[in-house]
Amino acid sequence: MHDPRTGNLLGAAALAVTDLMLEGVTELSGVGPSAASALVVLTVSPGLNGTELGRRVGLSQPASARMVDALVSRQLAERRPGQGREIAIRLTRRGRRTAADILAARSGRLAQALAVLDPAERAILSGLLDKVLTGLYAEIGNADLLCRLCDRASCTTDAICPVGQAERERNG
């Protein structure tokens, strides 16, 4: 059954949370949302080539090349020889610190948004979000893209990531 009010509330909440989260992330890092996501992605997948990095953050190959150029010019990442003719993108020490700061800022903004809920309400919301994210994975089909700005450790400590689980079930 279609519930326009619930969908509208979810849309408004999602947009507000995204705005708050990205504001903190972009202010702190001095880069845009895609570049901030790339820094986080490179913390868990160092050495990706520019095309794969772009795919994981939702950018075309040309846009990804421009983003990598910007990260390199800001001394947040560097290009290194990869396999064969590929060029691997790796974070610099400054890039790793910035990525950690991005995740901390993101976490702080999300904690503020959830502060209006008591622990029982947060547990209920967590279960509902597991279900929503599983459904979103079924539609999007790309765990890397869905989780491009995730703090993966916080999602998998004492729990199973619903997106990762959905991907494992799909790939059987």
N, C-alpha and C. Protein backbone atom coordinates (compact mmCIF):
# COMPACT_ATOMS: atom_id res chain seq x y z
N MET A 1 0.84 -1.18 0.00
CA MET A 1 0.00 0.00 0.00
C MET A 1 0.89 1.25 0.00
N HIS A 2 0.56 2.16 -0.86
CA HIS A 2 1.34 3.40 -0.98
C HIS A 2 0.96 4.36 0.14
N ASP A 3 1.96 4.85 0.86
CA ASP A 3 1.75 5.79 1.96
C ASP A 3 2.52 7.07 1.64
N PRO A 4 1.87 8.04 0.96
CA PRO A 4 2.60 9.24 0.54
C PRO A 4 3.19 10.03 1.71
N ARG A 5 2.53 10.04 2.85
CA ARG A 5 3.05 10.82 3.98
C ARG A 5 4.37 10.24 4.48
N THR A 6 4.41 8.92 4.67
CA THR A 6 5.64 8.30 5.14
C THR A 6 6.77 8.50 4.15
N GLY A 7 6.48 8.34 2.86
CA GLY A 7 7.49 8.58 1.84
C GLY A 7 7.98 10.01 1.85
N ASN A 8 7.06 10.93 2.01
CA ASN A 8 7.43 12.35 2.06
C ASN A 8 8.29 12.65 3.30
N LEU A 9 7.90 12.09 4.44
CA LEU A 9 8.69 12.29 5.65
C LEU A 9 10.10 11.71 5.49
N LEU A 10 10.17 10.52 4.90
CA LEU A 10 11.48 9.90 4.67
C LEU A 10 12.32 10.77 3.74
N GLY A 11 11.71 11.27 2.68
CA GLY A 11 12.44 12.13 1.75
C GLY A 11 12.96 13.39 2.41
N ALA A 12 12.11 14.04 3.20
CA ALA A 12 12.53 15.26 3.90
C ALA A 12 13.65 14.96 4.89
N ALA A 13 13.50 13.87 5.65
CA ALA A 13 14.53 13.50 6.63
C ALA A 13 15.84 13.13 5.93
N ALA A 14 15.74 12.36 4.85
CA ALA A 14 16.95 11.95 4.12
C ALA A 14 17.69 13.17 3.58
N LEU A 15 16.96 14.10 3.03
CA LEU A 15 17.58 15.30 2.47
C LEU A 15 18.22 16.15 3.57
N ALA A 16 17.52 16.32 4.68
CA ALA A 16 18.06 17.12 5.78
C ALA A 16 19.31 16.47 6.38
N VAL A 17 19.27 15.16 6.58
CA VAL A 17 20.43 14.46 7.12
C VAL A 17 21.60 14.54 6.14
N THR A 18 21.31 14.36 4.86
CA THR A 18 22.36 14.46 3.85
C THR A 18 22.99 15.85 3.86
N ASP A 19 22.16 16.87 3.89
CA ASP A 19 22.69 18.25 3.91
C ASP A 19 23.57 18.48 5.13
N LEU A 20 23.11 18.06 6.30
CA LEU A 20 23.91 18.24 7.52
C LEU A 20 25.21 17.47 7.45
N MET A 21 25.12 16.23 7.00
CA MET A 21 26.30 15.37 6.94
C MET A 21 27.31 15.92 5.95
N LEU A 22 26.85 16.28 4.75
CA LEU A 22 27.78 16.75 3.73
C LEU A 22 28.35 18.13 4.06
N GLU A 23 27.56 18.95 4.74
CA GLU A 23 28.07 20.26 5.15
C GLU A 23 29.29 20.09 6.05
N GLY A 24 29.19 19.23 7.03
CA GLY A 24 30.32 18.99 7.92
C GLY A 24 31.50 18.38 7.20
N VAL A 25 31.22 17.45 6.30
CA VAL A 25 32.27 16.76 5.57
C VAL A 25 33.00 17.70 4.62
N THR A 26 32.26 18.49 3.86
CA THR A 26 32.91 19.37 2.89
C THR A 26 33.61 20.55 3.55
N GLU A 27 33.04 21.07 4.64
CA GLU A 27 33.72 22.15 5.37
C GLU A 27 35.06 21.67 5.90
N LEU A 28 35.06 20.50 6.47
CA LEU A 28 36.25 19.96 7.10
C LEU A 28 37.33 19.61 6.09
N SER A 29 36.92 18.97 5.00
CA SER A 29 37.91 18.45 4.05
C SER A 29 38.32 19.46 3.00
N GLY A 30 37.48 20.43 2.74
CA GLY A 30 37.78 21.40 1.69
C GLY A 30 37.59 20.85 0.29
N VAL A 31 36.98 19.68 0.19
CA VAL A 31 36.69 19.08 -1.12
C VAL A 31 35.20 18.80 -1.20
N GLY A 32 34.73 18.53 -2.38
CA GLY A 32 33.31 18.24 -2.58
C GLY A 32 32.93 16.86 -2.10
N PRO A 33 31.63 16.55 -2.15
CA PRO A 33 31.14 15.26 -1.65
C PRO A 33 31.75 14.05 -2.35
N SER A 34 31.93 14.11 -3.65
CA SER A 34 32.52 12.95 -4.36
C SER A 34 33.96 12.73 -3.94
N ALA A 35 34.74 13.80 -3.82
CA ALA A 35 36.13 13.67 -3.41
C ALA A 35 36.22 13.19 -1.96
N ALA A 36 35.33 13.68 -1.10
CA ALA A 36 35.31 13.20 0.29
C ALA A 36 34.99 11.72 0.32
N SER A 37 34.03 11.31 -0.49
CA SER A 37 33.70 9.88 -0.58
C SER A 37 34.89 9.08 -1.07
N ALA A 38 35.61 9.63 -2.05
CA ALA A 38 36.79 8.94 -2.58
C ALA A 38 37.85 8.74 -1.51
N LEU A 39 38.04 9.74 -0.66
CA LEU A 39 39.01 9.59 0.43
C LEU A 39 38.61 8.45 1.35
N VAL A 40 37.32 8.37 1.68
CA VAL A 40 36.84 7.31 2.56
C VAL A 40 36.98 5.95 1.87
N VAL A 41 36.61 5.88 0.60
CA VAL A 41 36.74 4.62 -0.15
C VAL A 41 38.19 4.16 -0.17
N LEU A 42 39.12 5.08 -0.39
CA LEU A 42 40.53 4.71 -0.46
C LEU A 42 41.10 4.25 0.88
N THR A 43 40.44 4.58 1.99
CA THR A 43 40.92 4.06 3.27
C THR A 43 40.69 2.56 3.37
N VAL A 44 39.61 2.07 2.76
CA VAL A 44 39.32 0.63 2.83
C VAL A 44 39.75 -0.11 1.57
N SER A 45 40.01 0.61 0.49
CA SER A 45 40.43 -0.01 -0.77
C SER A 45 41.57 0.80 -1.39
N PRO A 46 42.73 0.80 -0.75
CA PRO A 46 43.84 1.58 -1.29
C PRO A 46 44.32 0.98 -2.61
N GLY A 47 44.78 1.84 -3.49
CA GLY A 47 45.38 1.36 -4.72
C GLY A 47 44.42 1.15 -5.88
N LEU A 48 43.19 1.63 -5.73
CA LEU A 48 42.25 1.52 -6.85
C LEU A 48 42.75 2.39 -8.00
N ASN A 49 42.40 2.00 -9.22
CA ASN A 49 42.71 2.90 -10.34
C ASN A 49 41.61 3.95 -10.41
N GLY A 50 41.85 4.99 -11.18
CA GLY A 50 40.92 6.12 -11.24
C GLY A 50 39.54 5.74 -11.73
N THR A 51 39.47 4.84 -12.70
CA THR A 51 38.17 4.42 -13.24
C THR A 51 37.36 3.69 -12.18
N GLU A 52 37.99 2.76 -11.47
CA GLU A 52 37.29 2.01 -10.43
C GLU A 52 36.90 2.91 -9.27
N LEU A 53 37.77 3.82 -8.90
CA LEU A 53 37.44 4.77 -7.84
C LEU A 53 36.23 5.60 -8.25
N GLY A 54 36.22 6.07 -9.47
CA GLY A 54 35.08 6.83 -9.97
C GLY A 54 33.80 6.02 -9.94
N ARG A 55 33.87 4.75 -10.34
CA ARG A 55 32.69 3.89 -10.30
C ARG A 55 32.15 3.78 -8.88
N ARG A 56 33.04 3.67 -7.91
CA ARG A 56 32.61 3.49 -6.53
C ARG A 56 32.01 4.74 -5.92
N VAL A 57 32.32 5.90 -6.48
CA VAL A 57 31.73 7.14 -5.95
C VAL A 57 30.70 7.73 -6.91
N GLY A 58 30.41 7.02 -7.98
CA GLY A 58 29.34 7.44 -8.88
C GLY A 58 29.74 8.49 -9.90
N LEU A 59 30.99 8.46 -10.36
CA LEU A 59 31.46 9.43 -11.34
C LEU A 59 31.86 8.75 -12.65
N SER A 60 31.73 9.47 -13.74
CA SER A 60 32.22 9.00 -15.03
C SER A 60 33.74 8.99 -15.00
N GLN A 61 34.36 8.35 -15.98
CA GLN A 61 35.82 8.30 -16.03
C GLN A 61 36.43 9.70 -16.14
N PRO A 62 35.92 10.58 -17.02
CA PRO A 62 36.52 11.93 -17.07
C PRO A 62 36.35 12.71 -15.76
N ALA A 63 35.17 12.61 -15.15
CA ALA A 63 34.95 13.31 -13.88
C ALA A 63 35.85 12.73 -12.79
N SER A 64 36.04 11.42 -12.82
CA SER A 64 36.92 10.78 -11.84
C SER A 64 38.35 11.26 -12.01
N ALA A 65 38.80 11.38 -13.25
CA ALA A 65 40.17 11.86 -13.50
C ALA A 65 40.36 13.28 -12.95
N ARG A 66 39.36 14.13 -13.14
CA ARG A 66 39.44 15.50 -12.61
C ARG A 66 39.47 15.48 -11.08
N MET A 67 38.64 14.60 -10.48
CA MET A 67 38.60 14.50 -9.02
C MET A 67 39.96 14.04 -8.49
N VAL A 68 40.54 13.01 -9.12
CA VAL A 68 41.85 12.52 -8.69
C VAL A 68 42.90 13.62 -8.83
N ASP A 69 42.86 14.37 -9.94
CA ASP A 69 43.78 15.50 -10.10
C ASP A 69 43.66 16.47 -8.93
N ALA A 70 42.43 16.76 -8.53
CA ALA A 70 42.20 17.69 -7.42
C ALA A 70 42.74 17.12 -6.11
N LEU A 71 42.52 15.83 -5.87
CA LEU A 71 43.04 15.21 -4.64
C LEU A 71 44.57 15.24 -4.63
N VAL A 72 45.18 14.98 -5.77
CA VAL A 72 46.64 15.00 -5.86
C VAL A 72 47.16 16.42 -5.65
N SER A 73 46.51 17.40 -6.27
CA SER A 73 46.98 18.78 -6.12
C SER A 73 46.83 19.29 -4.69
N ARG A 74 45.87 18.75 -3.95
CA ARG A 74 45.69 19.13 -2.54
C ARG A 74 46.55 18.26 -1.61
N GLN A 75 47.35 17.39 -2.20
CA GLN A 75 48.25 16.49 -1.46
C GLN A 75 47.49 15.54 -0.53
N LEU A 76 46.31 15.15 -0.96
CA LEU A 76 45.51 14.18 -0.21
C LEU A 76 45.68 12.77 -0.76
N ALA A 77 46.10 12.67 -2.02
CA ALA A 77 46.31 11.38 -2.67
C ALA A 77 47.50 11.50 -3.60
N GLU A 78 48.00 10.35 -4.00
CA GLU A 78 49.09 10.31 -4.96
C GLU A 78 48.88 9.16 -5.93
N ARG A 79 49.44 9.31 -7.09
CA ARG A 79 49.39 8.25 -8.10
C ARG A 79 50.67 7.42 -7.97
N ARG A 80 50.51 6.10 -8.04
CA ARG A 80 51.65 5.19 -7.99
C ARG A 80 51.46 4.13 -9.07
N PRO A 81 52.56 3.52 -9.49
CA PRO A 81 52.40 2.43 -10.46
C PRO A 81 51.53 1.32 -9.86
N GLY A 82 50.63 0.80 -10.68
CA GLY A 82 49.77 -0.30 -10.25
C GLY A 82 50.12 -1.54 -11.05
N GLN A 83 49.14 -2.42 -11.23
CA GLN A 83 49.36 -3.63 -12.01
C GLN A 83 49.39 -3.30 -13.49
N GLY A 84 50.35 -3.84 -14.20
CA GLY A 84 50.44 -3.58 -15.63
C GLY A 84 50.62 -2.10 -15.90
N ARG A 85 49.72 -1.57 -16.73
CA ARG A 85 49.80 -0.16 -17.08
C ARG A 85 48.92 0.71 -16.20
N GLU A 86 48.25 0.10 -15.24
CA GLU A 86 47.34 0.86 -14.38
C GLU A 86 48.11 1.77 -13.44
N ILE A 87 47.45 2.84 -13.08
CA ILE A 87 47.98 3.77 -12.08
C ILE A 87 47.10 3.62 -10.84
N ALA A 88 47.72 3.32 -9.72
CA ALA A 88 47.01 3.15 -8.46
C ALA A 88 46.92 4.48 -7.72
N ILE A 89 45.77 4.72 -7.13
CA ILE A 89 45.57 5.93 -6.33
C ILE A 89 45.67 5.54 -4.86
N ARG A 90 46.54 6.21 -4.15
CA ARG A 90 46.73 5.94 -2.72
C ARG A 90 46.66 7.25 -1.95
N LEU A 91 46.18 7.14 -0.74
CA LEU A 91 46.12 8.32 0.12
C LEU A 91 47.50 8.66 0.65
N THR A 92 47.74 9.92 0.81
CA THR A 92 48.93 10.40 1.51
C THR A 92 48.61 10.36 3.01
N ARG A 93 49.59 10.63 3.82
CA ARG A 93 49.34 10.72 5.27
C ARG A 93 48.27 11.78 5.52
N ARG A 94 48.39 12.91 4.86
CA ARG A 94 47.38 13.98 5.00
C ARG A 94 46.00 13.48 4.54
N GLY A 95 45.95 12.71 3.48
CA GLY A 95 44.68 12.16 3.00
C GLY A 95 44.05 11.20 3.99
N ARG A 96 44.88 10.38 4.63
CA ARG A 96 44.36 9.45 5.64
C ARG A 96 43.81 10.21 6.84
N ARG A 97 44.52 11.26 7.27
CA ARG A 97 44.02 12.07 8.38
C ARG A 97 42.71 12.76 8.00
N THR A 98 42.65 13.28 6.79
CA THR A 98 41.43 13.96 6.33
C THR A 98 40.27 12.97 6.25
N ALA A 99 40.53 11.77 5.76
CA ALA A 99 39.47 10.75 5.69
C ALA A 99 38.96 10.42 7.10
N ALA A 100 39.87 10.28 8.05
CA ALA A 100 39.46 10.01 9.44
C ALA A 100 38.65 11.17 9.99
N ASP A 101 39.06 12.39 9.68
CA ASP A 101 38.32 13.57 10.13
C ASP A 101 36.93 13.63 9.48
N ILE A 102 36.85 13.24 8.21
CA ILE A 102 35.56 13.21 7.51
C ILE A 102 34.61 12.25 8.21
N LEU A 103 35.10 11.06 8.54
CA LEU A 103 34.24 10.08 9.20
C LEU A 103 33.83 10.56 10.59
N ALA A 104 34.72 11.24 11.29
CA ALA A 104 34.39 11.76 12.62
C ALA A 104 33.33 12.86 12.50
N ALA A 105 33.48 13.75 11.54
CA ALA A 105 32.49 14.81 11.34
C ALA A 105 31.15 14.22 10.95
N ARG A 106 31.17 13.25 10.06
CA ARG A 106 29.94 12.57 9.64
C ARG A 106 29.25 11.93 10.85
N SER A 107 30.03 11.25 11.64
CA SER A 107 29.49 10.57 12.82
C SER A 107 28.86 11.57 13.79
N GLY A 108 29.53 12.69 13.99
CA GLY A 108 29.00 13.72 14.89
C GLY A 108 27.68 14.28 14.41
N ARG A 109 27.60 14.56 13.12
CA ARG A 109 26.35 15.10 12.56
C ARG A 109 25.22 14.08 12.67
N LEU A 110 25.53 12.82 12.41
CA LEU A 110 24.49 11.79 12.51
C LEU A 110 24.06 11.57 13.95
N ALA A 111 25.01 11.65 14.88
CA ALA A 111 24.67 11.51 16.30
C ALA A 111 23.73 12.63 16.73
N GLN A 112 23.99 13.85 16.24
CA GLN A 112 23.10 14.97 16.55
C GLN A 112 21.68 14.70 16.04
N ALA A 113 21.58 14.18 14.85
CA ALA A 113 20.26 13.90 14.27
C ALA A 113 19.52 12.83 15.05
N LEU A 114 20.25 11.86 15.58
CA LEU A 114 19.62 10.76 16.32
C LEU A 114 19.41 11.07 17.80
N ALA A 115 19.94 12.18 18.28
CA ALA A 115 19.87 12.51 19.70
C ALA A 115 18.44 12.67 20.21
N VAL A 116 17.49 12.94 19.33
CA VAL A 116 16.10 13.11 19.75
C VAL A 116 15.43 11.77 20.06
N LEU A 117 16.09 10.66 19.73
CA LEU A 117 15.54 9.32 19.98
C LEU A 117 16.16 8.72 21.23
N ASP A 118 15.34 7.97 21.98
CA ASP A 118 15.90 7.25 23.12
C ASP A 118 16.51 5.93 22.60
N PRO A 119 17.25 5.21 23.44
CA PRO A 119 17.93 4.00 22.97
C PRO A 119 16.98 2.97 22.34
N ALA A 120 15.81 2.79 22.88
CA ALA A 120 14.87 1.82 22.32
C ALA A 120 14.40 2.26 20.93
N GLU A 121 14.17 3.55 20.78
CA GLU A 121 13.76 4.06 19.46
C GLU A 121 14.89 3.93 18.44
N ARG A 122 16.12 4.17 18.89
CA ARG A 122 17.26 4.00 17.98
C ARG A 122 17.40 2.55 17.55
N ALA A 123 17.16 1.61 18.45
CA ALA A 123 17.23 0.18 18.10
C ALA A 123 16.16 -0.17 17.06
N ILE A 124 14.96 0.36 17.24
CA ILE A 124 13.89 0.12 16.27
C ILE A 124 14.27 0.72 14.92
N LEU A 125 14.75 1.95 14.94
CA LEU A 125 15.15 2.61 13.70
C LEU A 125 16.27 1.83 13.00
N SER A 126 17.21 1.32 13.77
CA SER A 126 18.31 0.55 13.20
C SER A 126 17.77 -0.67 12.44
N GLY A 127 16.84 -1.38 13.04
CA GLY A 127 16.24 -2.53 12.37
C GLY A 127 15.49 -2.14 11.11
N LEU A 128 14.78 -1.03 11.16
CA LEU A 128 14.05 -0.56 9.99
C LEU A 128 15.01 -0.13 8.88
N LEU A 129 16.11 0.53 9.26
CA LEU A 129 17.09 0.96 8.27
C LEU A 129 17.79 -0.24 7.63
N ASP A 130 18.02 -1.30 8.40
CA ASP A 130 18.56 -2.54 7.81
C ASP A 130 17.67 -3.00 6.66
N LYS A 131 16.38 -3.00 6.92
CA LYS A 131 15.41 -3.47 5.92
C LYS A 131 15.35 -2.53 4.72
N VAL A 132 15.34 -1.23 4.97
CA VAL A 132 15.31 -0.24 3.88
C VAL A 132 16.58 -0.35 3.03
N LEU A 133 17.74 -0.47 3.67
CA LEU A 133 19.00 -0.57 2.92
C LEU A 133 19.08 -1.86 2.11
N THR A 134 18.56 -2.94 2.63
CA THR A 134 18.50 -4.18 1.87
C THR A 134 17.67 -3.98 0.61
N GLY A 135 16.54 -3.31 0.74
CA GLY A 135 15.70 -3.00 -0.41
C GLY A 135 16.39 -2.06 -1.39
N LEU A 136 17.10 -1.08 -0.87
CA LEU A 136 17.82 -0.15 -1.74
C LEU A 136 18.94 -0.86 -2.49
N TYR A 137 19.59 -1.80 -1.84
CA TYR A 137 20.63 -2.57 -2.53
C TYR A 137 20.02 -3.35 -3.68
N ALA A 138 18.84 -3.93 -3.46
CA ALA A 138 18.18 -4.69 -4.52
C ALA A 138 17.90 -3.80 -5.73
N GLU A 139 17.62 -2.54 -5.49
CA GLU A 139 17.34 -1.60 -6.58
C GLU A 139 18.62 -1.07 -7.22
N ILE A 140 19.60 -0.69 -6.40
CA ILE A 140 20.82 -0.06 -6.90
C ILE A 140 21.84 -1.11 -7.35
N GLY A 141 21.96 -2.18 -6.57
CA GLY A 141 22.83 -3.29 -6.95
C GLY A 141 24.32 -3.02 -6.86
N ASN A 142 24.72 -2.04 -6.08
CA ASN A 142 26.14 -1.69 -5.99
C ASN A 142 26.45 -1.29 -4.56
N ALA A 143 27.00 -2.23 -3.80
CA ALA A 143 27.31 -1.98 -2.39
C ALA A 143 28.37 -0.89 -2.24
N ASP A 144 29.35 -0.87 -3.14
CA ASP A 144 30.40 0.15 -3.06
C ASP A 144 29.80 1.55 -3.19
N LEU A 145 28.88 1.72 -4.12
CA LEU A 145 28.26 3.02 -4.33
C LEU A 145 27.36 3.40 -3.15
N LEU A 146 26.57 2.44 -2.68
CA LEU A 146 25.67 2.70 -1.55
C LEU A 146 26.44 3.09 -0.29
N CYS A 147 27.57 2.47 -0.09
CA CYS A 147 28.32 2.65 1.17
C CYS A 147 29.56 3.53 0.98
N ARG A 148 29.55 4.40 -0.02
CA ARG A 148 30.74 5.16 -0.36
C ARG A 148 31.20 6.13 0.72
N LEU A 149 30.33 6.53 1.61
CA LEU A 149 30.73 7.45 2.68
C LEU A 149 30.47 6.82 4.05
N CYS A 150 30.40 5.51 4.07
CA CYS A 150 30.11 4.80 5.33
C CYS A 150 31.36 4.63 6.18
N ASP A 151 31.14 4.64 7.47
CA ASP A 151 32.15 4.25 8.44
C ASP A 151 31.96 2.74 8.61
N ARG A 152 32.66 1.99 7.82
CA ARG A 152 32.42 0.54 7.75
C ARG A 152 32.64 -0.15 9.09
N ALA A 153 33.59 0.31 9.86
CA ALA A 153 33.84 -0.33 11.16
C ALA A 153 32.63 -0.18 12.08
N SER A 154 31.98 0.97 12.07
CA SER A 154 30.84 1.16 12.97
C SER A 154 29.64 0.33 12.54
N CYS A 155 29.59 -0.03 11.27
CA CYS A 155 28.45 -0.79 10.76
C CYS A 155 28.64 -2.29 10.96
N THR A 156 29.87 -2.73 11.12
CA THR A 156 30.13 -4.17 11.19
C THR A 156 30.64 -4.64 12.54
N THR A 157 30.80 -3.72 13.49
CA THR A 157 31.21 -4.12 14.83
C THR A 157 29.97 -4.60 15.58
N ASP A 158 29.99 -5.86 15.96
CA ASP A 158 28.87 -6.48 16.67
C ASP A 158 27.57 -6.49 15.86
N ALA A 159 27.68 -6.42 14.54
CA ALA A 159 26.49 -6.45 13.68
C ALA A 159 26.93 -6.87 12.27
N ILE A 160 25.94 -7.18 11.46
CA ILE A 160 26.19 -7.51 10.06
C ILE A 160 25.67 -6.36 9.22
N CYS A 161 26.49 -5.86 8.32
CA CYS A 161 26.08 -4.78 7.44
C CYS A 161 24.97 -5.31 6.52
N PRO A 162 23.82 -4.65 6.50
CA PRO A 162 22.73 -5.16 5.66
C PRO A 162 23.03 -5.08 4.17
N VAL A 163 23.80 -4.10 3.77
CA VAL A 163 24.15 -3.96 2.35
C VAL A 163 25.14 -5.07 1.95
N GLY A 164 26.14 -5.29 2.77
CA GLY A 164 27.10 -6.37 2.51
C GLY A 164 26.42 -7.73 2.50
N GLN A 165 25.49 -7.93 3.41
CA GLN A 165 24.76 -9.20 3.45
C GLN A 165 23.90 -9.39 2.20
N ALA A 166 23.23 -8.31 1.78
CA ALA A 166 22.43 -8.39 0.56
C ALA A 166 23.30 -8.71 -0.64
N GLU A 167 24.49 -8.14 -0.69
CA GLU A 167 25.40 -8.42 -1.80
C GLU A 167 25.86 -9.87 -1.77
N ARG A 168 26.21 -10.37 -0.58
CA ARG A 168 26.64 -11.77 -0.47
C ARG A 168 25.52 -12.71 -0.90
N GLU A 169 24.29 -12.40 -0.53
CA GLU A 169 23.16 -13.25 -0.91
C GLU A 169 22.92 -13.20 -2.42
N ARG A 170 23.09 -12.02 -3.01
CA ARG A 170 22.90 -11.90 -4.47
C ARG A 170 23.97 -12.68 -5.22
N ASN A 171 25.20 -12.61 -4.75
CA ASN A 171 26.31 -13.26 -5.45
C ASN A 171 26.46 -14.72 -5.09
N GLY A 172 25.67 -15.17 -4.09
CA GLY A 172 25.56 -16.55 -3.67
C GLY A 172 26.80 -17.27 -3.47
